[in-house]
Amino acid sequence: MLLVGVLVGLGNWSFFEILVNDRNRDVSVDRDAIGMYVQALMLIWSIVSGWLLYRVDEESNKVAAAVANNDLDAFLREAPTHTALTIRLLHLALSLMFIHSFHLYHVQDWVSSIEVQGGIGFLVALTILFIWDLDDPFHGVINVANVPPEWMKRLGPEGDHGGPLQT
């Protein structure tokens, strides 16, 4: 996950430096509008990301608790729960808009540019990856351990390969 985040951050910085930064030399007239736009997107993205992280962590914890308590009924009820595709797509669109909003500024110093553009790309990519990883309690970096194989079979074909079940 960290490597993907670093690659996205460096890719975002490279894109900004090669294609965008020179075009933004004179943004002083629009400075206030750009600043308010970036702040609004930052607030919206932070709220949506925080809510999603809380929700997927809570669902993953319910599955882990069901396994720890040896509660098959709770496991079968909680394990198939995933974030709806529409919410994922909304979050992805907000994330892209959030990253792009920082492309509206001109940054002269390359160190500041890599910190801002690389940092924003890294943060957003890592947040998305954590949300997607937590949303699948059986696969990925963060997963529920010690799930009895017979319980996974009870979930059906979706449970065997970790495919999302929309609820």
N, C-alpha and C. Protein backbone atom coordinates (compact mmCIF):
# COMPACT_ATOMS: atom_id res chain seq x y z
N MET A 1 0.83 -1.19 0.00
CA MET A 1 0.00 0.00 0.00
C MET A 1 0.87 1.26 0.00
N LEU A 2 1.92 1.24 0.81
CA LEU A 2 2.80 2.40 0.88
C LEU A 2 3.48 2.66 -0.47
N LEU A 3 3.91 1.60 -1.12
CA LEU A 3 4.57 1.75 -2.41
C LEU A 3 3.62 2.36 -3.45
N VAL A 4 2.38 1.90 -3.47
CA VAL A 4 1.39 2.46 -4.39
C VAL A 4 1.17 3.93 -4.06
N GLY A 5 1.06 4.26 -2.78
CA GLY A 5 0.88 5.65 -2.37
C GLY A 5 2.04 6.52 -2.81
N VAL A 6 3.27 6.02 -2.65
CA VAL A 6 4.45 6.78 -3.07
C VAL A 6 4.45 6.96 -4.59
N LEU A 7 4.12 5.91 -5.33
CA LEU A 7 4.08 6.01 -6.79
C LEU A 7 3.02 7.00 -7.26
N VAL A 8 1.85 6.98 -6.64
CA VAL A 8 0.79 7.94 -7.00
C VAL A 8 1.25 9.36 -6.66
N GLY A 9 1.86 9.53 -5.50
CA GLY A 9 2.36 10.86 -5.12
C GLY A 9 3.39 11.39 -6.09
N LEU A 10 4.35 10.56 -6.46
CA LEU A 10 5.38 10.98 -7.42
C LEU A 10 4.78 11.20 -8.81
N GLY A 11 3.81 10.36 -9.18
CA GLY A 11 3.13 10.56 -10.46
C GLY A 11 2.36 11.86 -10.49
N ASN A 12 1.68 12.18 -9.40
CA ASN A 12 0.93 13.43 -9.32
C ASN A 12 1.88 14.62 -9.41
N TRP A 13 2.99 14.56 -8.70
CA TRP A 13 3.98 15.64 -8.74
C TRP A 13 4.55 15.79 -10.14
N SER A 14 4.90 14.68 -10.79
CA SER A 14 5.45 14.72 -12.15
C SER A 14 4.45 15.33 -13.13
N PHE A 15 3.21 14.89 -13.05
CA PHE A 15 2.15 15.43 -13.91
C PHE A 15 2.03 16.94 -13.71
N PHE A 16 2.03 17.37 -12.45
CA PHE A 16 1.91 18.79 -12.13
C PHE A 16 3.08 19.58 -12.70
N GLU A 17 4.29 19.10 -12.48
CA GLU A 17 5.48 19.82 -12.93
C GLU A 17 5.59 19.85 -14.45
N ILE A 18 5.28 18.76 -15.11
CA ILE A 18 5.48 18.67 -16.56
C ILE A 18 4.37 19.38 -17.33
N LEU A 19 3.12 19.22 -16.90
CA LEU A 19 2.00 19.70 -17.71
C LEU A 19 1.23 20.90 -17.15
N VAL A 20 1.30 21.13 -15.84
CA VAL A 20 0.36 22.09 -15.25
C VAL A 20 1.04 23.34 -14.69
N ASN A 21 2.10 23.18 -13.94
CA ASN A 21 2.65 24.27 -13.14
C ASN A 21 2.98 25.53 -13.95
N ASP A 22 3.60 25.38 -15.10
CA ASP A 22 3.97 26.57 -15.90
C ASP A 22 2.75 27.35 -16.37
N ARG A 23 1.64 26.68 -16.59
CA ARG A 23 0.43 27.39 -17.04
C ARG A 23 -0.19 28.22 -15.92
N ASN A 24 0.17 27.96 -14.67
CA ASN A 24 -0.44 28.64 -13.53
C ASN A 24 0.43 29.77 -12.99
N ARG A 25 1.26 30.38 -13.82
CA ARG A 25 2.18 31.40 -13.32
C ARG A 25 1.47 32.59 -12.69
N ASP A 26 0.35 33.02 -13.26
CA ASP A 26 -0.33 34.19 -12.73
C ASP A 26 -1.71 33.82 -12.20
N VAL A 27 -1.75 33.32 -10.97
CA VAL A 27 -3.03 32.97 -10.36
C VAL A 27 -3.42 33.99 -9.27
N SER A 28 -2.66 35.08 -9.20
CA SER A 28 -2.91 36.04 -8.11
C SER A 28 -4.30 36.65 -8.18
N VAL A 29 -4.85 36.85 -9.38
CA VAL A 29 -6.18 37.44 -9.48
C VAL A 29 -7.26 36.50 -8.96
N ASP A 30 -7.05 35.22 -9.13
CA ASP A 30 -8.05 34.23 -8.73
C ASP A 30 -7.69 33.55 -7.41
N ARG A 31 -6.71 34.09 -6.71
CA ARG A 31 -6.19 33.45 -5.49
C ARG A 31 -7.28 33.15 -4.47
N ASP A 32 -8.17 34.10 -4.21
CA ASP A 32 -9.21 33.89 -3.20
C ASP A 32 -10.20 32.80 -3.61
N ALA A 33 -10.63 32.83 -4.86
CA ALA A 33 -11.58 31.82 -5.34
C ALA A 33 -10.94 30.43 -5.32
N ILE A 34 -9.70 30.34 -5.75
CA ILE A 34 -9.00 29.05 -5.74
C ILE A 34 -8.85 28.54 -4.32
N GLY A 35 -8.46 29.43 -3.41
CA GLY A 35 -8.29 29.05 -2.01
C GLY A 35 -9.57 28.52 -1.39
N MET A 36 -10.69 29.19 -1.66
CA MET A 36 -11.97 28.74 -1.11
C MET A 36 -12.39 27.41 -1.72
N TYR A 37 -12.15 27.23 -3.01
CA TYR A 37 -12.47 25.97 -3.69
C TYR A 37 -11.68 24.82 -3.09
N VAL A 38 -10.37 25.03 -2.91
CA VAL A 38 -9.51 23.98 -2.34
C VAL A 38 -9.95 23.66 -0.92
N GLN A 39 -10.24 24.67 -0.13
CA GLN A 39 -10.67 24.43 1.26
C GLN A 39 -12.00 23.69 1.31
N ALA A 40 -12.94 24.05 0.45
CA ALA A 40 -14.23 23.37 0.43
C ALA A 40 -14.06 21.89 0.05
N LEU A 41 -13.27 21.63 -0.98
CA LEU A 41 -13.03 20.24 -1.37
C LEU A 41 -12.30 19.47 -0.28
N MET A 42 -11.35 20.13 0.39
CA MET A 42 -10.62 19.47 1.47
C MET A 42 -11.58 19.08 2.59
N LEU A 43 -12.49 19.97 2.93
CA LEU A 43 -13.46 19.68 3.98
C LEU A 43 -14.39 18.54 3.58
N ILE A 44 -14.93 18.62 2.38
CA ILE A 44 -15.86 17.58 1.91
C ILE A 44 -15.15 16.24 1.83
N TRP A 45 -13.94 16.22 1.23
CA TRP A 45 -13.19 14.97 1.10
C TRP A 45 -12.85 14.39 2.47
N SER A 46 -12.45 15.25 3.41
CA SER A 46 -12.11 14.78 4.75
C SER A 46 -13.30 14.16 5.46
N ILE A 47 -14.44 14.80 5.36
CA ILE A 47 -15.65 14.28 6.01
C ILE A 47 -16.06 12.94 5.40
N VAL A 48 -16.12 12.88 4.07
CA VAL A 48 -16.52 11.64 3.41
C VAL A 48 -15.51 10.53 3.69
N SER A 49 -14.22 10.83 3.60
CA SER A 49 -13.19 9.82 3.86
C SER A 49 -13.24 9.34 5.31
N GLY A 50 -13.40 10.27 6.24
CA GLY A 50 -13.49 9.89 7.65
C GLY A 50 -14.69 9.00 7.92
N TRP A 51 -15.83 9.36 7.32
CA TRP A 51 -17.03 8.55 7.50
C TRP A 51 -16.83 7.15 6.91
N LEU A 52 -16.25 7.08 5.71
CA LEU A 52 -16.02 5.79 5.09
C LEU A 52 -15.03 4.94 5.89
N LEU A 53 -13.95 5.55 6.35
CA LEU A 53 -12.98 4.81 7.17
C LEU A 53 -13.63 4.28 8.43
N TYR A 54 -14.44 5.10 9.07
CA TYR A 54 -15.14 4.68 10.29
C TYR A 54 -16.08 3.52 9.98
N ARG A 55 -16.83 3.65 8.90
CA ARG A 55 -17.83 2.63 8.55
C ARG A 55 -17.17 1.29 8.21
N VAL A 56 -16.15 1.30 7.35
CA VAL A 56 -15.53 0.03 6.97
C VAL A 56 -14.77 -0.60 8.13
N ASP A 57 -14.18 0.22 9.00
CA ASP A 57 -13.50 -0.31 10.17
C ASP A 57 -14.51 -0.96 11.12
N GLU A 58 -15.66 -0.31 11.29
CA GLU A 58 -16.70 -0.85 12.16
C GLU A 58 -17.22 -2.19 11.62
N GLU A 59 -17.44 -2.28 10.31
CA GLU A 59 -17.91 -3.53 9.72
C GLU A 59 -16.86 -4.63 9.84
N SER A 60 -15.61 -4.29 9.60
CA SER A 60 -14.53 -5.27 9.73
C SER A 60 -14.42 -5.77 11.17
N ASN A 61 -14.59 -4.87 12.13
CA ASN A 61 -14.55 -5.25 13.54
C ASN A 61 -15.71 -6.17 13.92
N LYS A 62 -16.87 -5.97 13.31
CA LYS A 62 -18.01 -6.85 13.57
C LYS A 62 -17.72 -8.26 13.09
N VAL A 63 -17.09 -8.38 11.93
CA VAL A 63 -16.74 -9.70 11.40
C VAL A 63 -15.69 -10.34 12.31
N ALA A 64 -14.68 -9.58 12.72
CA ALA A 64 -13.64 -10.10 13.61
C ALA A 64 -14.23 -10.54 14.95
N ALA A 65 -15.17 -9.76 15.48
CA ALA A 65 -15.82 -10.11 16.75
C ALA A 65 -16.63 -11.39 16.60
N ALA A 66 -17.31 -11.56 15.47
CA ALA A 66 -18.09 -12.78 15.24
C ALA A 66 -17.18 -14.00 15.21
N VAL A 67 -16.01 -13.87 14.58
CA VAL A 67 -15.06 -14.98 14.54
C VAL A 67 -14.51 -15.25 15.93
N ALA A 68 -14.14 -14.19 16.64
CA ALA A 68 -13.58 -14.35 17.99
C ALA A 68 -14.58 -14.96 18.95
N ASN A 69 -15.87 -14.61 18.80
CA ASN A 69 -16.91 -15.12 19.68
C ASN A 69 -17.50 -16.45 19.19
N ASN A 70 -16.97 -16.95 18.06
CA ASN A 70 -17.45 -18.19 17.48
C ASN A 70 -18.95 -18.13 17.19
N ASP A 71 -19.39 -16.99 16.65
CA ASP A 71 -20.80 -16.72 16.37
C ASP A 71 -21.04 -16.78 14.86
N LEU A 72 -21.41 -17.96 14.37
CA LEU A 72 -21.61 -18.15 12.94
C LEU A 72 -22.73 -17.28 12.40
N ASP A 73 -23.82 -17.13 13.14
CA ASP A 73 -24.94 -16.31 12.65
C ASP A 73 -24.50 -14.86 12.43
N ALA A 74 -23.79 -14.30 13.39
CA ALA A 74 -23.30 -12.92 13.24
C ALA A 74 -22.31 -12.82 12.08
N PHE A 75 -21.47 -13.83 11.93
CA PHE A 75 -20.51 -13.84 10.84
C PHE A 75 -21.23 -13.83 9.49
N LEU A 76 -22.22 -14.69 9.33
CA LEU A 76 -22.95 -14.75 8.06
C LEU A 76 -23.74 -13.48 7.79
N ARG A 77 -24.14 -12.80 8.83
CA ARG A 77 -24.87 -11.54 8.68
C ARG A 77 -23.93 -10.38 8.33
N GLU A 78 -22.75 -10.33 8.94
CA GLU A 78 -21.85 -9.19 8.78
C GLU A 78 -20.84 -9.34 7.65
N ALA A 79 -20.39 -10.56 7.37
CA ALA A 79 -19.32 -10.77 6.40
C ALA A 79 -19.64 -10.26 4.99
N PRO A 80 -20.86 -10.42 4.49
CA PRO A 80 -21.13 -9.97 3.13
C PRO A 80 -21.31 -8.45 2.99
N THR A 81 -21.30 -7.71 4.09
CA THR A 81 -21.56 -6.28 4.04
C THR A 81 -20.37 -5.53 3.46
N HIS A 82 -20.60 -4.80 2.37
CA HIS A 82 -19.57 -4.00 1.72
C HIS A 82 -20.15 -2.64 1.35
N THR A 83 -19.26 -1.70 1.13
CA THR A 83 -19.67 -0.37 0.70
C THR A 83 -20.21 -0.44 -0.73
N ALA A 84 -21.30 0.23 -0.96
CA ALA A 84 -21.92 0.22 -2.29
C ALA A 84 -20.98 0.85 -3.32
N LEU A 85 -21.05 0.35 -4.54
CA LEU A 85 -20.21 0.84 -5.62
C LEU A 85 -20.43 2.33 -5.87
N THR A 86 -21.66 2.80 -5.74
CA THR A 86 -21.93 4.23 -5.97
C THR A 86 -21.19 5.10 -4.96
N ILE A 87 -21.11 4.65 -3.72
CA ILE A 87 -20.38 5.42 -2.71
C ILE A 87 -18.89 5.39 -3.00
N ARG A 88 -18.37 4.25 -3.42
CA ARG A 88 -16.95 4.16 -3.80
C ARG A 88 -16.64 5.10 -4.96
N LEU A 89 -17.51 5.12 -5.96
CA LEU A 89 -17.29 5.98 -7.12
C LEU A 89 -17.39 7.46 -6.74
N LEU A 90 -18.32 7.80 -5.86
CA LEU A 90 -18.42 9.18 -5.38
C LEU A 90 -17.13 9.58 -4.66
N HIS A 91 -16.63 8.70 -3.80
CA HIS A 91 -15.40 8.99 -3.07
C HIS A 91 -14.22 9.11 -4.02
N LEU A 92 -14.16 8.27 -5.02
CA LEU A 92 -13.09 8.34 -6.01
C LEU A 92 -13.15 9.65 -6.78
N ALA A 93 -14.34 10.07 -7.19
CA ALA A 93 -14.50 11.34 -7.91
C ALA A 93 -14.09 12.52 -7.01
N LEU A 94 -14.53 12.49 -5.76
CA LEU A 94 -14.12 13.56 -4.82
C LEU A 94 -12.61 13.58 -4.63
N SER A 95 -12.02 12.41 -4.58
CA SER A 95 -10.57 12.31 -4.40
C SER A 95 -9.83 12.91 -5.58
N LEU A 96 -10.28 12.60 -6.79
CA LEU A 96 -9.64 13.16 -7.98
C LEU A 96 -9.82 14.68 -8.04
N MET A 97 -11.00 15.16 -7.67
CA MET A 97 -11.22 16.60 -7.64
C MET A 97 -10.35 17.27 -6.58
N PHE A 98 -10.19 16.62 -5.44
CA PHE A 98 -9.36 17.15 -4.36
C PHE A 98 -7.91 17.25 -4.81
N ILE A 99 -7.39 16.20 -5.43
CA ILE A 99 -6.01 16.23 -5.93
C ILE A 99 -5.87 17.33 -6.99
N HIS A 100 -6.83 17.38 -7.90
CA HIS A 100 -6.76 18.36 -8.98
C HIS A 100 -6.84 19.80 -8.46
N SER A 101 -7.55 20.02 -7.39
CA SER A 101 -7.69 21.39 -6.89
C SER A 101 -6.33 22.00 -6.54
N PHE A 102 -5.39 21.18 -6.12
CA PHE A 102 -4.05 21.69 -5.81
C PHE A 102 -3.26 21.99 -7.08
N HIS A 103 -3.73 21.52 -8.23
CA HIS A 103 -3.08 21.84 -9.49
C HIS A 103 -3.41 23.25 -9.96
N LEU A 104 -4.34 23.92 -9.29
CA LEU A 104 -4.72 25.27 -9.69
C LEU A 104 -3.73 26.33 -9.20
N TYR A 105 -2.84 25.94 -8.29
CA TYR A 105 -1.82 26.86 -7.78
C TYR A 105 -0.55 26.77 -8.62
N HIS A 106 0.25 27.83 -8.56
CA HIS A 106 1.59 27.80 -9.13
C HIS A 106 2.57 27.69 -7.97
N VAL A 107 3.50 26.75 -8.06
CA VAL A 107 4.50 26.57 -7.01
C VAL A 107 5.87 26.71 -7.66
N GLN A 108 6.65 27.69 -7.21
CA GLN A 108 7.95 27.95 -7.82
C GLN A 108 9.03 26.98 -7.35
N ASP A 109 9.08 26.73 -6.06
CA ASP A 109 10.13 25.91 -5.49
C ASP A 109 9.81 24.43 -5.69
N TRP A 110 10.74 23.65 -6.25
CA TRP A 110 10.47 22.25 -6.54
C TRP A 110 10.33 21.42 -5.26
N VAL A 111 10.98 21.83 -4.18
CA VAL A 111 10.84 21.09 -2.91
C VAL A 111 9.42 21.27 -2.38
N SER A 112 8.92 22.50 -2.42
CA SER A 112 7.54 22.75 -1.99
C SER A 112 6.56 22.03 -2.91
N SER A 113 6.87 22.02 -4.18
CA SER A 113 6.00 21.35 -5.15
C SER A 113 5.90 19.85 -4.87
N ILE A 114 7.02 19.22 -4.63
CA ILE A 114 6.98 17.78 -4.37
C ILE A 114 6.31 17.49 -3.03
N GLU A 115 6.49 18.38 -2.05
CA GLU A 115 5.80 18.18 -0.76
C GLU A 115 4.30 18.30 -0.92
N VAL A 116 3.85 19.33 -1.61
CA VAL A 116 2.40 19.56 -1.75
C VAL A 116 1.78 18.53 -2.69
N GLN A 117 2.28 18.45 -3.92
CA GLN A 117 1.67 17.57 -4.92
C GLN A 117 1.91 16.09 -4.59
N GLY A 118 3.14 15.76 -4.21
CA GLY A 118 3.43 14.38 -3.85
C GLY A 118 2.71 13.97 -2.58
N GLY A 119 2.67 14.88 -1.60
CA GLY A 119 1.99 14.59 -0.33
C GLY A 119 0.50 14.39 -0.49
N ILE A 120 -0.13 15.25 -1.28
CA ILE A 120 -1.58 15.11 -1.50
C ILE A 120 -1.88 13.82 -2.25
N GLY A 121 -1.11 13.53 -3.29
CA GLY A 121 -1.32 12.27 -4.03
C GLY A 121 -1.13 11.06 -3.15
N PHE A 122 -0.08 11.08 -2.33
CA PHE A 122 0.20 9.97 -1.41
C PHE A 122 -0.93 9.80 -0.40
N LEU A 123 -1.34 10.89 0.23
CA LEU A 123 -2.40 10.85 1.26
C LEU A 123 -3.70 10.31 0.69
N VAL A 124 -4.11 10.83 -0.45
CA VAL A 124 -5.38 10.41 -1.04
C VAL A 124 -5.32 8.95 -1.47
N ALA A 125 -4.23 8.56 -2.13
CA ALA A 125 -4.10 7.16 -2.57
C ALA A 125 -4.10 6.21 -1.39
N LEU A 126 -3.36 6.55 -0.34
CA LEU A 126 -3.29 5.68 0.83
C LEU A 126 -4.65 5.57 1.53
N THR A 127 -5.37 6.68 1.60
CA THR A 127 -6.71 6.66 2.21
C THR A 127 -7.65 5.76 1.42
N ILE A 128 -7.65 5.89 0.11
CA ILE A 128 -8.51 5.05 -0.73
C ILE A 128 -8.14 3.58 -0.56
N LEU A 129 -6.84 3.29 -0.57
CA LEU A 129 -6.40 1.89 -0.43
C LEU A 129 -6.79 1.32 0.92
N PHE A 130 -6.68 2.11 2.00
CA PHE A 130 -7.10 1.64 3.32
C PHE A 130 -8.60 1.35 3.35
N ILE A 131 -9.38 2.24 2.77
CA ILE A 131 -10.84 2.03 2.75
C ILE A 131 -11.18 0.76 1.98
N TRP A 132 -10.59 0.58 0.81
CA TRP A 132 -10.88 -0.61 0.01
C TRP A 132 -10.38 -1.87 0.69
N ASP A 133 -9.23 -1.78 1.36
CA ASP A 133 -8.68 -2.94 2.05
C ASP A 133 -9.56 -3.34 3.24
N LEU A 134 -9.98 -2.38 4.03
CA LEU A 134 -10.83 -2.67 5.18
C LEU A 134 -12.21 -3.16 4.76
N ASP A 135 -12.66 -2.75 3.57
CA ASP A 135 -13.99 -3.13 3.11
C ASP A 135 -14.07 -4.62 2.77
N ASP A 136 -12.92 -5.27 2.55
CA ASP A 136 -12.88 -6.71 2.30
C ASP A 136 -12.20 -7.35 3.50
N PRO A 137 -12.97 -7.93 4.43
CA PRO A 137 -12.37 -8.41 5.68
C PRO A 137 -11.52 -9.68 5.54
N PHE A 138 -11.49 -10.29 4.36
CA PHE A 138 -10.80 -11.57 4.22
C PHE A 138 -9.51 -11.51 3.42
N HIS A 139 -9.29 -10.47 2.66
CA HIS A 139 -8.11 -10.38 1.80
C HIS A 139 -7.44 -9.03 2.02
N GLY A 140 -6.24 -8.90 1.56
CA GLY A 140 -5.53 -7.64 1.65
C GLY A 140 -4.62 -7.58 2.86
N VAL A 141 -4.12 -6.40 3.13
CA VAL A 141 -3.16 -6.19 4.21
C VAL A 141 -3.82 -6.34 5.57
N ILE A 142 -4.97 -5.73 5.72
CA ILE A 142 -5.71 -5.77 6.99
C ILE A 142 -6.87 -6.74 6.80
N ASN A 143 -6.83 -7.88 7.50
CA ASN A 143 -7.90 -8.86 7.31
C ASN A 143 -8.21 -9.57 8.63
N VAL A 144 -9.34 -10.24 8.62
CA VAL A 144 -9.78 -11.00 9.78
C VAL A 144 -9.09 -12.36 9.73
N ALA A 145 -8.40 -12.69 10.81
CA ALA A 145 -7.64 -13.94 10.87
C ALA A 145 -8.47 -15.05 11.50
N ASN A 146 -8.04 -16.27 11.26
CA ASN A 146 -8.59 -17.46 11.90
C ASN A 146 -10.06 -17.73 11.58
N VAL A 147 -10.49 -17.38 10.37
CA VAL A 147 -11.86 -17.68 9.96
C VAL A 147 -11.89 -19.17 9.59
N PRO A 148 -12.76 -19.94 10.22
CA PRO A 148 -12.85 -21.36 9.87
C PRO A 148 -13.22 -21.53 8.40
N PRO A 149 -12.52 -22.44 7.71
CA PRO A 149 -12.81 -22.65 6.27
C PRO A 149 -14.26 -23.00 5.99
N GLU A 150 -14.89 -23.74 6.91
CA GLU A 150 -16.30 -24.10 6.67
C GLU A 150 -17.20 -22.87 6.73
N TRP A 151 -16.82 -21.85 7.49
CA TRP A 151 -17.60 -20.61 7.52
C TRP A 151 -17.50 -19.89 6.18
N MET A 152 -16.29 -19.88 5.60
CA MET A 152 -16.11 -19.24 4.30
C MET A 152 -16.94 -19.94 3.23
N LYS A 153 -17.02 -21.25 3.32
CA LYS A 153 -17.82 -22.01 2.35
C LYS A 153 -19.30 -21.67 2.48
N ARG A 154 -19.73 -21.36 3.70
CA ARG A 154 -21.14 -21.00 3.93
C ARG A 154 -21.51 -19.68 3.26
N LEU A 155 -20.50 -18.84 3.01
CA LEU A 155 -20.77 -17.57 2.33
C LEU A 155 -21.07 -17.76 0.85
N GLY A 156 -20.69 -18.91 0.31
CA GLY A 156 -20.93 -19.18 -1.10
C GLY A 156 -19.74 -18.77 -1.94
N PRO A 157 -19.94 -18.73 -3.26
CA PRO A 157 -18.82 -18.44 -4.17
C PRO A 157 -18.19 -17.07 -3.92
N GLU A 158 -18.99 -16.07 -3.54
CA GLU A 158 -18.45 -14.75 -3.27
C GLU A 158 -17.48 -14.77 -2.11
N GLY A 159 -17.78 -15.56 -1.10
CA GLY A 159 -16.90 -15.66 0.07
C GLY A 159 -15.61 -16.38 -0.23
N ASP A 160 -15.65 -17.31 -1.20
CA ASP A 160 -14.45 -18.08 -1.53
C ASP A 160 -13.38 -17.23 -2.18
N HIS A 161 -13.77 -16.26 -3.00
CA HIS A 161 -12.75 -15.46 -3.70
C HIS A 161 -12.73 -14.02 -3.23
N GLY A 162 -13.53 -13.66 -2.27
CA GLY A 162 -13.48 -12.31 -1.71
C GLY A 162 -14.16 -11.26 -2.54
N GLY A 163 -14.97 -11.67 -3.52
CA GLY A 163 -15.67 -10.70 -4.33
C GLY A 163 -16.69 -9.93 -3.51
N PRO A 164 -16.92 -8.66 -3.88
CA PRO A 164 -17.82 -7.85 -3.08
C PRO A 164 -19.28 -8.29 -3.19
N LEU A 165 -19.93 -8.37 -2.07
CA LEU A 165 -21.38 -8.59 -2.02
C LEU A 165 -22.00 -7.27 -1.61
N GLN A 166 -22.81 -6.69 -2.45
CA GLN A 166 -23.42 -5.41 -2.14
C GLN A 166 -24.62 -5.61 -1.22
N THR A 167 -24.68 -4.83 -0.15
CA THR A 167 -25.83 -4.87 0.75
C THR A 167 -26.29 -3.47 1.05
